[in-house]
Amino acid sequence: MAALADRVRGRGRIAAGLLLNLLVSICIVFLNKWIYVHYGFPNMSLTLVHFVVTWLGLYICQKLDMFAPKSLPPSKLLLLALSFCGFVVFTNLSLQNNTIGTYQLAKAMTTPVIIVIQTFCYKKTFSTKIQLTLIPITVGVILNSYYDVKFNFLGTVFAALGVLVTSLYQVWVGAKQHELQVNSMQLLYYQAPMSSAMLLVAVPFFEPVFAEGGIFGPWSVSALLMVLLSGVIAFMVNLSIYWIIGNTSPVTYNMFGHFKFCITLFGGYVLFKDPLSINQGLGMLCTLFGILAYTHIKLSEQEGSKSKLMQRP
């Protein structure tokens, strides 16, 4: 009975963790879009708030012994911190200048770009089946972008840069974790303040600081509360991702991600009244099919690799 109760409690904790991640992941997209549309808060300044709050949150976590910080040489993290700035800034600019549907589908291109980078730069090989799943993902994104009635060139440029820098960041995070023998929280603990410092230097060159529309400009109390809430939720997104992967598996997190993908797309059209054509809908279904196929094949290949290792004498 005690073992059954422990199992039920364990499943309950995982369900609670997944639910929290679902809520904060969807909330951060809609909240940031709301801040851009209704308050016009500057993009890089909002990203800076996210980084500072994330670092403060991680500082509290390590004080509560949720993870042990590890001393890392700053020179090893410089490029990673710079790419972290780029991926968050360009992703937020994509959200600011595109409909939520186009923003969300553009993010789906991260997987194909990562595969291309790992194939040509790291000489990693992928099966033909995995390579074929990139076709529906790419075709779906192109279909959606082409038939998006709110299509704009600047939004497309930001989306493309966001995908490229995000892909580089994800590849480098994996490489650095392996090279420095650290987990994601230990890496982010040192990376977040470095990225904050970089943005602190860059913000005055691209955005007003003390004037109207700047981070220290005359904002309403509601706007400041929304921005602070956005920072807290951004930290909770990072923390919940780490907890889910640590307590389940990356595959569980990715499969759960498909559910969030669908809800975010639907929410964008309901909350922000984004128009949706039939061709865009087909593009979304095409991309979703490609993502599901990729996850299924990747899971099958991982299970096959485990079976071969277990069968070895």
C-alpha atoms as a PDB file:
ATOM      1  CA  MET A   1       0.000   0.000   0.000  1.00  0.00           C
ATOM      2  CA  ALA A   2       2.860   2.367   0.887  1.00  0.00           C
ATOM      3  CA  ALA A   3       4.570   1.652  -2.457  1.00  0.00           C
ATOM      4  CA  LEU A   4       1.307   2.316  -4.315  1.00  0.00           C
ATOM      5  CA  ALA A   5       0.813   5.588  -2.428  1.00  0.00           C
ATOM      6  CA  ASP A   6       4.388   6.672  -3.302  1.00  0.00           C
ATOM      7  CA  ARG A   7       3.776   5.811  -6.960  1.00  0.00           C
ATOM      8  CA  VAL A   8       0.537   7.832  -7.004  1.00  0.00           C
ATOM      9  CA  ARG A   9       2.262  10.785  -5.304  1.00  0.00           C
ATOM     10  CA  GLY A  10       5.130  10.557  -7.825  1.00  0.00           C
ATOM     11  CA  ARG A  11       2.715  10.612 -10.755  1.00  0.00           C
ATOM     12  CA  GLY A  12       0.838  13.466  -9.116  1.00  0.00           C
ATOM     13  CA  ARG A  13       4.052  15.522  -8.871  1.00  0.00           C
ATOM     14  CA  ILE A  14       4.903  14.848 -12.527  1.00  0.00           C
ATOM     15  CA  ALA A  15       1.356  15.793 -13.588  1.00  0.00           C
ATOM     16  CA  ALA A  16       1.611  18.996 -11.515  1.00  0.00           C
ATOM     17  CA  GLY A  17       4.997  19.797 -13.074  1.00  0.00           C
ATOM     18  CA  LEU A  18       3.662  19.251 -16.600  1.00  0.00           C
ATOM     19  CA  LEU A  19       0.593  21.377 -15.858  1.00  0.00           C
ATOM     20  CA  LEU A  20       2.762  24.201 -14.459  1.00  0.00           C
ATOM     21  CA  ASN A  21       4.995  24.104 -17.549  1.00  0.00           C
ATOM     22  CA  LEU A  22       1.930  24.112 -19.825  1.00  0.00           C
ATOM     23  CA  LEU A  23       0.474  27.170 -18.089  1.00  0.00           C
ATOM     24  CA  VAL A  24       3.690  29.240 -17.896  1.00  0.00           C
ATOM     25  CA  SER A  25       4.892  28.331 -21.424  1.00  0.00           C
ATOM     26  CA  ILE A  26       1.616  29.439 -22.994  1.00  0.00           C
ATOM     27  CA  CYS A  27       1.283  32.398 -20.621  1.00  0.00           C
ATOM     28  CA  ILE A  28       4.736  33.832 -21.498  1.00  0.00           C
ATOM     29  CA  VAL A  29       3.897  33.958 -25.229  1.00  0.00           C
ATOM     30  CA  PHE A  30       0.525  35.657 -24.738  1.00  0.00           C
ATOM     31  CA  LEU A  31       1.777  37.976 -21.974  1.00  0.00           C
ATOM     32  CA  ASN A  32       4.778  39.184 -24.018  1.00  0.00           C
ATOM     33  CA  LYS A  33       2.533  39.731 -27.052  1.00  0.00           C
ATOM     34  CA  TRP A  34       0.120  41.679 -24.823  1.00  0.00           C
ATOM     35  CA  ILE A  35       2.971  43.843 -23.495  1.00  0.00           C
ATOM     36  CA  TYR A  36       4.157  44.637 -27.056  1.00  0.00           C
ATOM     37  CA  VAL A  37       0.649  45.330 -28.405  1.00  0.00           C
ATOM     38  CA  HIS A  38      -0.860  47.274 -25.474  1.00  0.00           C
ATOM     39  CA  TYR A  39       2.138  48.928 -23.790  1.00  0.00           C
ATOM     40  CA  GLY A  40       4.824  49.078 -26.483  1.00  0.00           C
ATOM     41  CA  PHE A  41       7.544  48.113 -23.975  1.00  0.00           C
ATOM     42  CA  PRO A  42      10.949  47.932 -25.748  1.00  0.00           C
ATOM     43  CA  ASN A  43      12.060  44.450 -26.759  1.00  0.00           C
ATOM     44  CA  MET A  44      15.695  44.405 -25.580  1.00  0.00           C
ATOM     45  CA  SER A  45      14.740  46.013 -22.258  1.00  0.00           C
ATOM     46  CA  LEU A  46      12.110  43.309 -21.671  1.00  0.00           C
ATOM     47  CA  THR A  47      14.732  40.657 -22.465  1.00  0.00           C
ATOM     48  CA  LEU A  48      17.105  42.313 -19.969  1.00  0.00           C
ATOM     49  CA  VAL A  49      14.396  42.122 -17.276  1.00  0.00           C
ATOM     50  CA  HIS A  50      13.951  38.407 -18.077  1.00  0.00           C
ATOM     51  CA  PHE A  51      17.689  37.735 -17.717  1.00  0.00           C
ATOM     52  CA  VAL A  52      18.017  39.624 -14.422  1.00  0.00           C
ATOM     53  CA  VAL A  53      14.953  37.936 -12.892  1.00  0.00           C
ATOM     54  CA  THR A  54      16.198  34.517 -14.117  1.00  0.00           C
ATOM     55  CA  TRP A  55      19.584  35.069 -12.482  1.00  0.00           C
ATOM     56  CA  LEU A  56      17.984  36.234  -9.212  1.00  0.00           C
ATOM     57  CA  GLY A  57      15.669  33.211  -9.288  1.00  0.00           C
ATOM     58  CA  LEU A  58      18.603  30.843  -9.824  1.00  0.00           C
ATOM     59  CA  TYR A  59      20.533  32.571  -7.008  1.00  0.00           C
ATOM     60  CA  ILE A  60      17.601  31.846  -4.661  1.00  0.00           C
ATOM     61  CA  CYS A  61      17.427  28.236  -5.951  1.00  0.00           C
ATOM     62  CA  GLN A  62      21.092  27.568  -5.206  1.00  0.00           C
ATOM     63  CA  LYS A  63      20.670  29.097  -1.722  1.00  0.00           C
ATOM     64  CA  LEU A  64      17.835  26.596  -1.198  1.00  0.00           C
ATOM     65  CA  ASP A  65      20.231  23.787  -2.310  1.00  0.00           C
ATOM     66  CA  MET A  66      18.209  23.008  -5.445  1.00  0.00           C
ATOM     67  CA  PHE A  67      21.509  22.799  -7.337  1.00  0.00           C
ATOM     68  CA  ALA A  68      25.208  23.310  -6.573  1.00  0.00           C
ATOM     69  CA  PRO A  69      26.957  26.094  -8.536  1.00  0.00           C
ATOM     70  CA  LYS A  70      30.190  25.140 -10.262  1.00  0.00           C
ATOM     71  CA  SER A  71      33.039  27.556 -10.939  1.00  0.00           C
ATOM     72  CA  LEU A  72      33.376  28.103 -14.693  1.00  0.00           C
ATOM     73  CA  PRO A  73      35.881  30.200 -16.697  1.00  0.00           C
ATOM     74  CA  PRO A  74      34.052  33.234 -18.225  1.00  0.00           C
ATOM     75  CA  SER A  75      36.036  32.930 -21.464  1.00  0.00           C
ATOM     76  CA  LYS A  76      34.421  29.530 -22.084  1.00  0.00           C
ATOM     77  CA  LEU A  77      30.924  31.052 -21.817  1.00  0.00           C
ATOM     78  CA  LEU A  78      31.393  34.303 -23.773  1.00  0.00           C
ATOM     79  CA  LEU A  79      30.060  33.064 -27.129  1.00  0.00           C
ATOM     80  CA  LEU A  80      27.272  31.109 -25.424  1.00  0.00           C
ATOM     81  CA  ALA A  81      26.137  34.200 -23.461  1.00  0.00           C
ATOM     82  CA  LEU A  82      26.174  36.276 -26.660  1.00  0.00           C
ATOM     83  CA  SER A  83      24.074  33.698 -28.532  1.00  0.00           C
ATOM     84  CA  PHE A  84      21.678  33.553 -25.543  1.00  0.00           C
ATOM     85  CA  CYS A  85      21.119  37.315 -25.938  1.00  0.00           C
ATOM     86  CA  GLY A  86      20.590  36.933 -29.687  1.00  0.00           C
ATOM     87  CA  PHE A  87      18.170  34.024 -29.498  1.00  0.00           C
ATOM     88  CA  VAL A  88      15.887  35.668 -26.885  1.00  0.00           C
ATOM     89  CA  VAL A  89      15.996  39.127 -28.522  1.00  0.00           C
ATOM     90  CA  PHE A  90      15.300  37.853 -32.057  1.00  0.00           C
ATOM     91  CA  THR A  91      12.621  35.413 -30.853  1.00  0.00           C
ATOM     92  CA  ASN A  92      10.851  38.254 -29.028  1.00  0.00           C
ATOM     93  CA  LEU A  93      11.198  40.517 -32.090  1.00  0.00           C
ATOM     94  CA  SER A  94       9.607  37.743 -34.164  1.00  0.00           C
ATOM     95  CA  LEU A  95       6.709  37.586 -31.667  1.00  0.00           C
ATOM     96  CA  GLN A  96       6.423  41.395 -31.760  1.00  0.00           C
ATOM     97  CA  ASN A  97       6.308  41.631 -35.569  1.00  0.00           C
ATOM     98  CA  ASN A  98       4.403  38.452 -36.525  1.00  0.00           C
ATOM     99  CA  THR A  99       1.099  36.806 -35.706  1.00  0.00           C
ATOM    100  CA  ILE A 100       1.370  34.171 -32.949  1.00  0.00           C
ATOM    101  CA  GLY A 101       0.721  31.431 -35.543  1.00  0.00           C
ATOM    102  CA  THR A 102       3.628  32.513 -37.771  1.00  0.00           C
ATOM    103  CA  TYR A 103       5.866  33.043 -34.715  1.00  0.00           C
ATOM    104  CA  GLN A 104       5.076  29.571 -33.373  1.00  0.00           C
ATOM    105  CA  LEU A 105       5.510  27.807 -36.714  1.00  0.00           C
ATOM    106  CA  ALA A 106       8.808  29.593 -37.395  1.00  0.00           C
ATOM    107  CA  LYS A 107      10.123  28.105 -34.131  1.00  0.00           C
ATOM    108  CA  ALA A 108       9.402  24.639 -35.563  1.00  0.00           C
ATOM    109  CA  MET A 109      12.213  25.275 -38.083  1.00  0.00           C
ATOM    110  CA  THR A 110      14.729  25.037 -35.224  1.00  0.00           C
ATOM    111  CA  THR A 111      14.899  21.227 -35.510  1.00  0.00           C
ATOM    112  CA  PRO A 112      15.761  21.172 -39.258  1.00  0.00           C
ATOM    113  CA  VAL A 113      18.370  23.925 -38.788  1.00  0.00           C
ATOM    114  CA  ILE A 114      19.978  22.077 -35.833  1.00  0.00           C
ATOM    115  CA  ILE A 115      20.206  18.946 -37.990  1.00  0.00           C
ATOM    116  CA  VAL A 116      21.866  20.927 -40.812  1.00  0.00           C
ATOM    117  CA  ILE A 117      24.367  22.543 -38.375  1.00  0.00           C
ATOM    118  CA  GLN A 118      25.243  19.220 -36.736  1.00  0.00           C
ATOM    119  CA  THR A 119      25.578  17.503 -40.121  1.00  0.00           C
ATOM    120  CA  PHE A 120      27.892  20.051 -41.749  1.00  0.00           C
ATOM    121  CA  CYS A 121      29.749  21.520 -38.746  1.00  0.00           C
ATOM    122  CA  TYR A 122      29.951  18.558 -36.349  1.00  0.00           C
ATOM    123  CA  LYS A 123      29.900  15.697 -38.913  1.00  0.00           C
ATOM    124  CA  LYS A 124      26.970  14.052 -37.125  1.00  0.00           C
ATOM    125  CA  THR A 125      24.872  11.645 -39.201  1.00  0.00           C
ATOM    126  CA  PHE A 126      21.070  11.279 -39.213  1.00  0.00           C
ATOM    127  CA  SER A 127      18.972   8.473 -40.692  1.00  0.00           C
ATOM    128  CA  THR A 128      17.094   8.959 -43.962  1.00  0.00           C
ATOM    129  CA  LYS A 129      13.780   8.725 -42.081  1.00  0.00           C
ATOM    130  CA  ILE A 130      14.766  11.633 -39.812  1.00  0.00           C
ATOM    131  CA  GLN A 131      15.879  13.683 -42.820  1.00  0.00           C
ATOM    132  CA  LEU A 132      12.548  13.013 -44.606  1.00  0.00           C
ATOM    133  CA  THR A 133      10.552  14.432 -41.642  1.00  0.00           C
ATOM    134  CA  LEU A 134      12.168  17.812 -42.359  1.00  0.00           C
ATOM    135  CA  ILE A 135      10.196  18.067 -45.630  1.00  0.00           C
ATOM    136  CA  PRO A 136       6.671  18.414 -44.114  1.00  0.00           C
ATOM    137  CA  ILE A 137       7.996  20.689 -41.333  1.00  0.00           C
ATOM    138  CA  THR A 138       9.626  23.055 -43.852  1.00  0.00           C
ATOM    139  CA  VAL A 139       6.766  22.927 -46.385  1.00  0.00           C
ATOM    140  CA  GLY A 140       4.231  23.661 -43.623  1.00  0.00           C
ATOM    141  CA  VAL A 141       6.170  26.712 -42.385  1.00  0.00           C
ATOM    142  CA  ILE A 142       6.536  28.057 -45.960  1.00  0.00           C
ATOM    143  CA  LEU A 143       2.803  27.525 -46.649  1.00  0.00           C
ATOM    144  CA  ASN A 144       1.799  29.352 -43.482  1.00  0.00           C
ATOM    145  CA  SER A 145       4.166  32.279 -44.094  1.00  0.00           C
ATOM    146  CA  TYR A 146       3.165  32.626 -47.756  1.00  0.00           C
ATOM    147  CA  TYR A 147      -0.571  32.751 -47.014  1.00  0.00           C
ATOM    148  CA  ASP A 148      -0.318  34.817 -43.789  1.00  0.00           C
ATOM    149  CA  VAL A 149      -2.384  37.939 -44.523  1.00  0.00           C
ATOM    150  CA  LYS A 150      -0.331  39.828 -41.921  1.00  0.00           C
ATOM    151  CA  PHE A 151       2.925  38.755 -43.590  1.00  0.00           C
ATOM    152  CA  ASN A 152       5.674  41.376 -43.377  1.00  0.00           C
ATOM    153  CA  PHE A 153       9.289  41.259 -44.517  1.00  0.00           C
ATOM    154  CA  LEU A 154      10.770  42.556 -41.241  1.00  0.00           C
ATOM    155  CA  GLY A 155       8.896  39.927 -39.209  1.00  0.00           C
ATOM    156  CA  THR A 156      10.213  37.202 -41.537  1.00  0.00           C
ATOM    157  CA  VAL A 157      13.810  38.452 -41.147  1.00  0.00           C
ATOM    158  CA  PHE A 158      13.511  38.442 -37.331  1.00  0.00           C
ATOM    159  CA  ALA A 159      11.921  34.968 -37.397  1.00  0.00           C
ATOM    160  CA  ALA A 160      14.751  33.616 -39.612  1.00  0.00           C
ATOM    161  CA  LEU A 161      17.455  35.190 -37.404  1.00  0.00           C
ATOM    162  CA  GLY A 162      15.663  33.858 -34.315  1.00  0.00           C
ATOM    163  CA  VAL A 163      15.654  30.310 -35.702  1.00  0.00           C
ATOM    164  CA  LEU A 164      19.331  30.481 -36.742  1.00  0.00           C
ATOM    165  CA  VAL A 165      20.625  31.892 -33.429  1.00  0.00           C
ATOM    166  CA  THR A 166      18.341  29.607 -31.360  1.00  0.00           C
ATOM    167  CA  SER A 167      19.660  26.571 -33.253  1.00  0.00           C
ATOM    168  CA  LEU A 168      23.277  27.634 -32.695  1.00  0.00           C
ATOM    169  CA  TYR A 169      22.559  28.273 -29.008  1.00  0.00           C
ATOM    170  CA  GLN A 170      20.966  24.851 -28.493  1.00  0.00           C
ATOM    171  CA  VAL A 171      23.864  23.081 -30.235  1.00  0.00           C
ATOM    172  CA  TRP A 172      26.424  25.045 -28.186  1.00  0.00           C
ATOM    173  CA  VAL A 173      24.556  24.439 -24.896  1.00  0.00           C
ATOM    174  CA  GLY A 174      24.762  20.689 -25.454  1.00  0.00           C
ATOM    175  CA  ALA A 175      28.441  20.915 -26.382  1.00  0.00           C
ATOM    176  CA  LYS A 176      29.294  23.152 -23.378  1.00  0.00           C
ATOM    177  CA  GLN A 177      27.404  20.939 -20.906  1.00  0.00           C
ATOM    178  CA  HIS A 178      29.442  17.976 -22.135  1.00  0.00           C
ATOM    179  CA  GLU A 179      32.725  19.929 -22.253  1.00  0.00           C
ATOM    180  CA  LEU A 180      32.381  21.564 -18.799  1.00  0.00           C
ATOM    181  CA  GLN A 181      30.499  18.657 -17.149  1.00  0.00           C
ATOM    182  CA  VAL A 182      27.623  20.835 -15.874  1.00  0.00           C
ATOM    183  CA  ASN A 183      23.834  20.637 -15.965  1.00  0.00           C
ATOM    184  CA  SER A 184      21.567  23.252 -17.539  1.00  0.00           C
ATOM    185  CA  MET A 185      20.913  25.128 -14.266  1.00  0.00           C
ATOM    186  CA  GLN A 186      24.626  25.383 -13.436  1.00  0.00           C
ATOM    187  CA  LEU A 187      25.307  26.671 -16.930  1.00  0.00           C
ATOM    188  CA  LEU A 188      22.436  29.171 -16.879  1.00  0.00           C
ATOM    189  CA  TYR A 189      23.507  30.432 -13.423  1.00  0.00           C
ATOM    190  CA  TYR A 190      26.764  31.791 -14.905  1.00  0.00           C
ATOM    191  CA  GLN A 191      25.422  32.565 -18.345  1.00  0.00           C
ATOM    192  CA  ALA A 192      22.436  34.752 -17.288  1.00  0.00           C
ATOM    193  CA  PRO A 193      24.471  37.520 -15.540  1.00  0.00           C
ATOM    194  CA  MET A 194      26.947  37.617 -18.444  1.00  0.00           C
ATOM    195  CA  SER A 195      24.083  37.981 -20.934  1.00  0.00           C
ATOM    196  CA  SER A 196      22.501  40.662 -18.698  1.00  0.00           C
ATOM    197  CA  ALA A 197      25.745  42.658 -18.701  1.00  0.00           C
ATOM    198  CA  MET A 198      25.990  42.414 -22.502  1.00  0.00           C
ATOM    199  CA  LEU A 199      22.414  43.660 -22.951  1.00  0.00           C
ATOM    200  CA  LEU A 200      22.959  46.419 -20.387  1.00  0.00           C
ATOM    201  CA  VAL A 201      25.757  47.767 -22.602  1.00  0.00           C
ATOM    202  CA  ALA A 202      23.772  47.283 -25.840  1.00  0.00           C
ATOM    203  CA  VAL A 203      20.369  48.706 -24.803  1.00  0.00           C
ATOM    204  CA  PRO A 204      21.379  52.441 -24.857  1.00  0.00           C
ATOM    205  CA  PHE A 205      22.531  52.088 -28.496  1.00  0.00           C
ATOM    206  CA  PHE A 206      19.211  50.628 -29.729  1.00  0.00           C
ATOM    207  CA  GLU A 207      16.505  51.852 -27.338  1.00  0.00           C
ATOM    208  CA  PRO A 208      15.803  54.924 -25.206  1.00  0.00           C
ATOM    209  CA  VAL A 209      16.730  54.433 -21.554  1.00  0.00           C
ATOM    210  CA  PHE A 210      15.280  57.352 -19.533  1.00  0.00           C
ATOM    211  CA  ALA A 211      13.126  58.991 -22.214  1.00  0.00           C
ATOM    212  CA  GLU A 212       9.516  58.039 -22.987  1.00  0.00           C
ATOM    213  CA  GLY A 213       9.363  54.449 -24.240  1.00  0.00           C
ATOM    214  CA  GLY A 214      12.618  53.515 -22.451  1.00  0.00           C
ATOM    215  CA  ILE A 215      13.111  50.997 -19.647  1.00  0.00           C
ATOM    216  CA  PHE A 216      13.340  53.808 -17.033  1.00  0.00           C
ATOM    217  CA  GLY A 217      10.773  55.996 -18.766  1.00  0.00           C
ATOM    218  CA  PRO A 218       7.368  57.015 -17.388  1.00  0.00           C
ATOM    219  CA  TRP A 219       5.483  53.704 -17.369  1.00  0.00           C
ATOM    220  CA  SER A 220       2.139  53.058 -15.710  1.00  0.00           C
ATOM    221  CA  VAL A 221       2.033  50.792 -12.636  1.00  0.00           C
ATOM    222  CA  SER A 222       0.083  48.173 -14.627  1.00  0.00           C
ATOM    223  CA  ALA A 223       2.774  48.115 -17.361  1.00  0.00           C
ATOM    224  CA  LEU A 224       5.594  47.671 -14.810  1.00  0.00           C
ATOM    225  CA  LEU A 225       3.675  44.893 -13.030  1.00  0.00           C
ATOM    226  CA  MET A 226       3.109  43.118 -16.354  1.00  0.00           C
ATOM    227  CA  VAL A 227       6.830  43.372 -17.222  1.00  0.00           C
ATOM    228  CA  LEU A 228       7.864  42.053 -13.801  1.00  0.00           C
ATOM    229  CA  LEU A 229       5.310  39.231 -14.083  1.00  0.00           C
ATOM    230  CA  SER A 230       6.725  38.396 -17.519  1.00  0.00           C
ATOM    231  CA  GLY A 231      10.211  38.088 -15.973  1.00  0.00           C
ATOM    232  CA  VAL A 232       8.968  35.807 -13.188  1.00  0.00           C
ATOM    233  CA  ILE A 233       7.083  33.599 -15.671  1.00  0.00           C
ATOM    234  CA  ALA A 234      10.156  33.431 -17.971  1.00  0.00           C
ATOM    235  CA  PHE A 235      12.154  32.104 -14.991  1.00  0.00           C
ATOM    236  CA  MET A 236       9.404  29.583 -14.155  1.00  0.00           C
ATOM    237  CA  VAL A 237       9.461  28.348 -17.766  1.00  0.00           C
ATOM    238  CA  ASN A 238      13.215  27.629 -17.496  1.00  0.00           C
ATOM    239  CA  LEU A 239      12.871  26.018 -14.069  1.00  0.00           C
ATOM    240  CA  SER A 240       9.909  23.815 -15.061  1.00  0.00           C
ATOM    241  CA  ILE A 241      11.704  22.615 -18.232  1.00  0.00           C
ATOM    242  CA  TYR A 242      14.699  21.553 -16.114  1.00  0.00           C
ATOM    243  CA  TRP A 243      12.444  19.794 -13.568  1.00  0.00           C
ATOM    244  CA  ILE A 244      10.414  17.911 -16.225  1.00  0.00           C
ATOM    245  CA  ILE A 245      13.486  16.653 -18.103  1.00  0.00           C
ATOM    246  CA  GLY A 246      15.144  15.692 -14.796  1.00  0.00           C
ATOM    247  CA  ASN A 247      12.086  13.776 -13.560  1.00  0.00           C
ATOM    248  CA  THR A 248      10.830  12.270 -16.843  1.00  0.00           C
ATOM    249  CA  SER A 249      12.853  12.474 -20.069  1.00  0.00           C
ATOM    250  CA  PRO A 250      13.582  14.854 -22.965  1.00  0.00           C
ATOM    251  CA  VAL A 251      11.196  12.775 -25.112  1.00  0.00           C
ATOM    252  CA  THR A 252       8.320  13.284 -22.635  1.00  0.00           C
ATOM    253  CA  TYR A 253       9.011  17.009 -22.634  1.00  0.00           C
ATOM    254  CA  ASN A 254       9.065  17.165 -26.439  1.00  0.00           C
ATOM    255  CA  MET A 255       5.873  15.133 -26.809  1.00  0.00           C
ATOM    256  CA  PHE A 256       4.217  17.441 -24.281  1.00  0.00           C
ATOM    257  CA  GLY A 257       5.573  20.332 -26.352  1.00  0.00           C
ATOM    258  CA  HIS A 258       3.363  19.291 -29.301  1.00  0.00           C
ATOM    259  CA  PHE A 259       0.291  19.767 -27.106  1.00  0.00           C
ATOM    260  CA  LYS A 260       1.508  23.263 -26.115  1.00  0.00           C
ATOM    261  CA  PHE A 261       2.195  24.001 -29.795  1.00  0.00           C
ATOM    262  CA  CYS A 262      -1.453  23.343 -30.719  1.00  0.00           C
ATOM    263  CA  ILE A 263      -2.902  25.276 -27.766  1.00  0.00           C
ATOM    264  CA  THR A 264      -0.642  28.297 -28.433  1.00  0.00           C
ATOM    265  CA  LEU A 265      -1.681  28.393 -32.092  1.00  0.00           C
ATOM    266  CA  PHE A 266      -5.362  28.156 -31.166  1.00  0.00           C
ATOM    267  CA  GLY A 267      -5.009  30.770 -28.409  1.00  0.00           C
ATOM    268  CA  GLY A 268      -3.366  33.245 -30.787  1.00  0.00           C
ATOM    269  CA  TYR A 269      -6.371  33.205 -33.098  1.00  0.00           C
ATOM    270  CA  VAL A 270      -8.860  33.441 -30.213  1.00  0.00           C
ATOM    271  CA  LEU A 271      -7.189  36.110 -28.052  1.00  0.00           C
ATOM    272  CA  PHE A 272      -5.611  38.327 -30.717  1.00  0.00           C
ATOM    273  CA  LYS A 273      -8.141  37.657 -33.506  1.00  0.00           C
ATOM    274  CA  ASP A 274      -5.340  36.687 -35.908  1.00  0.00           C
ATOM    275  CA  PRO A 275      -6.898  35.773 -39.288  1.00  0.00           C
ATOM    276  CA  LEU A 276      -6.449  32.173 -40.456  1.00  0.00           C
ATOM    277  CA  SER A 277      -6.842  30.992 -44.062  1.00  0.00           C
ATOM    278  CA  ILE A 278      -7.447  27.377 -45.150  1.00  0.00           C
ATOM    279  CA  ASN A 279      -3.953  27.230 -46.677  1.00  0.00           C
ATOM    280  CA  GLN A 280      -2.435  28.410 -43.396  1.00  0.00           C
ATOM    281  CA  GLY A 281      -4.366  25.709 -41.574  1.00  0.00           C
ATOM    282  CA  LEU A 282      -2.987  23.102 -43.995  1.00  0.00           C
ATOM    283  CA  GLY A 283       0.509  24.466 -43.405  1.00  0.00           C
ATOM    284  CA  MET A 284       0.091  24.106 -39.644  1.00  0.00           C
ATOM    285  CA  LEU A 285      -1.192  20.529 -39.969  1.00  0.00           C
ATOM    286  CA  CYS A 286       1.706  19.719 -42.300  1.00  0.00           C
ATOM    287  CA  THR A 287       4.253  21.080 -39.805  1.00  0.00           C
ATOM    288  CA  LEU A 288       2.597  19.303 -36.872  1.00  0.00           C
ATOM    289  CA  PHE A 289       2.660  16.016 -38.824  1.00  0.00           C
ATOM    290  CA  GLY A 290       6.392  16.473 -39.473  1.00  0.00           C
ATOM    291  CA  ILE A 291       7.111  17.228 -35.803  1.00  0.00           C
ATOM    292  CA  LEU A 292       5.137  14.176 -34.626  1.00  0.00           C
ATOM    293  CA  ALA A 293       6.853  11.951 -37.209  1.00  0.00           C
ATOM    294  CA  TYR A 294      10.287  13.260 -36.147  1.00  0.00           C
ATOM    295  CA  THR A 295       9.585  12.544 -32.453  1.00  0.00           C
ATOM    296  CA  HIS A 296       8.201   9.060 -33.192  1.00  0.00           C
ATOM    297  CA  ILE A 297      11.194   8.056 -35.361  1.00  0.00           C
ATOM    298  CA  LYS A 298      13.707   9.570 -32.904  1.00  0.00           C
ATOM    299  CA  LEU A 299      12.100   7.651 -30.018  1.00  0.00           C
ATOM    300  CA  SER A 300      12.146   4.402 -32.032  1.00  0.00           C
ATOM    301  CA  GLU A 301      15.827   4.887 -32.894  1.00  0.00           C
ATOM    302  CA  GLN A 302      16.723   5.573 -29.245  1.00  0.00           C
ATOM    303  CA  GLU A 303      14.850   2.443 -28.112  1.00  0.00           C
ATOM    304  CA  GLY A 304      16.641   0.438 -30.824  1.00  0.00           C
ATOM    305  CA  SER A 305      20.047   1.719 -29.651  1.00  0.00           C
ATOM    306  CA  LYS A 306      19.237   0.790 -26.023  1.00  0.00           C
ATOM    307  CA  SER A 307      18.179  -2.729 -27.071  1.00  0.00           C
ATOM    308  CA  LYS A 308      21.441  -3.273 -28.989  1.00  0.00           C
ATOM    309  CA  LEU A 309      23.514  -2.146 -25.984  1.00  0.00           C
ATOM    310  CA  MET A 310      21.592  -4.498 -23.651  1.00  0.00           C
ATOM    311  CA  GLN A 311      22.103  -7.452 -26.025  1.00  0.00           C
ATOM    312  CA  ARG A 312      25.887  -7.019 -26.118  1.00  0.00           C
ATOM    313  CA  PRO A 313      27.771  -9.618 -24.053  1.00  0.00           C
END
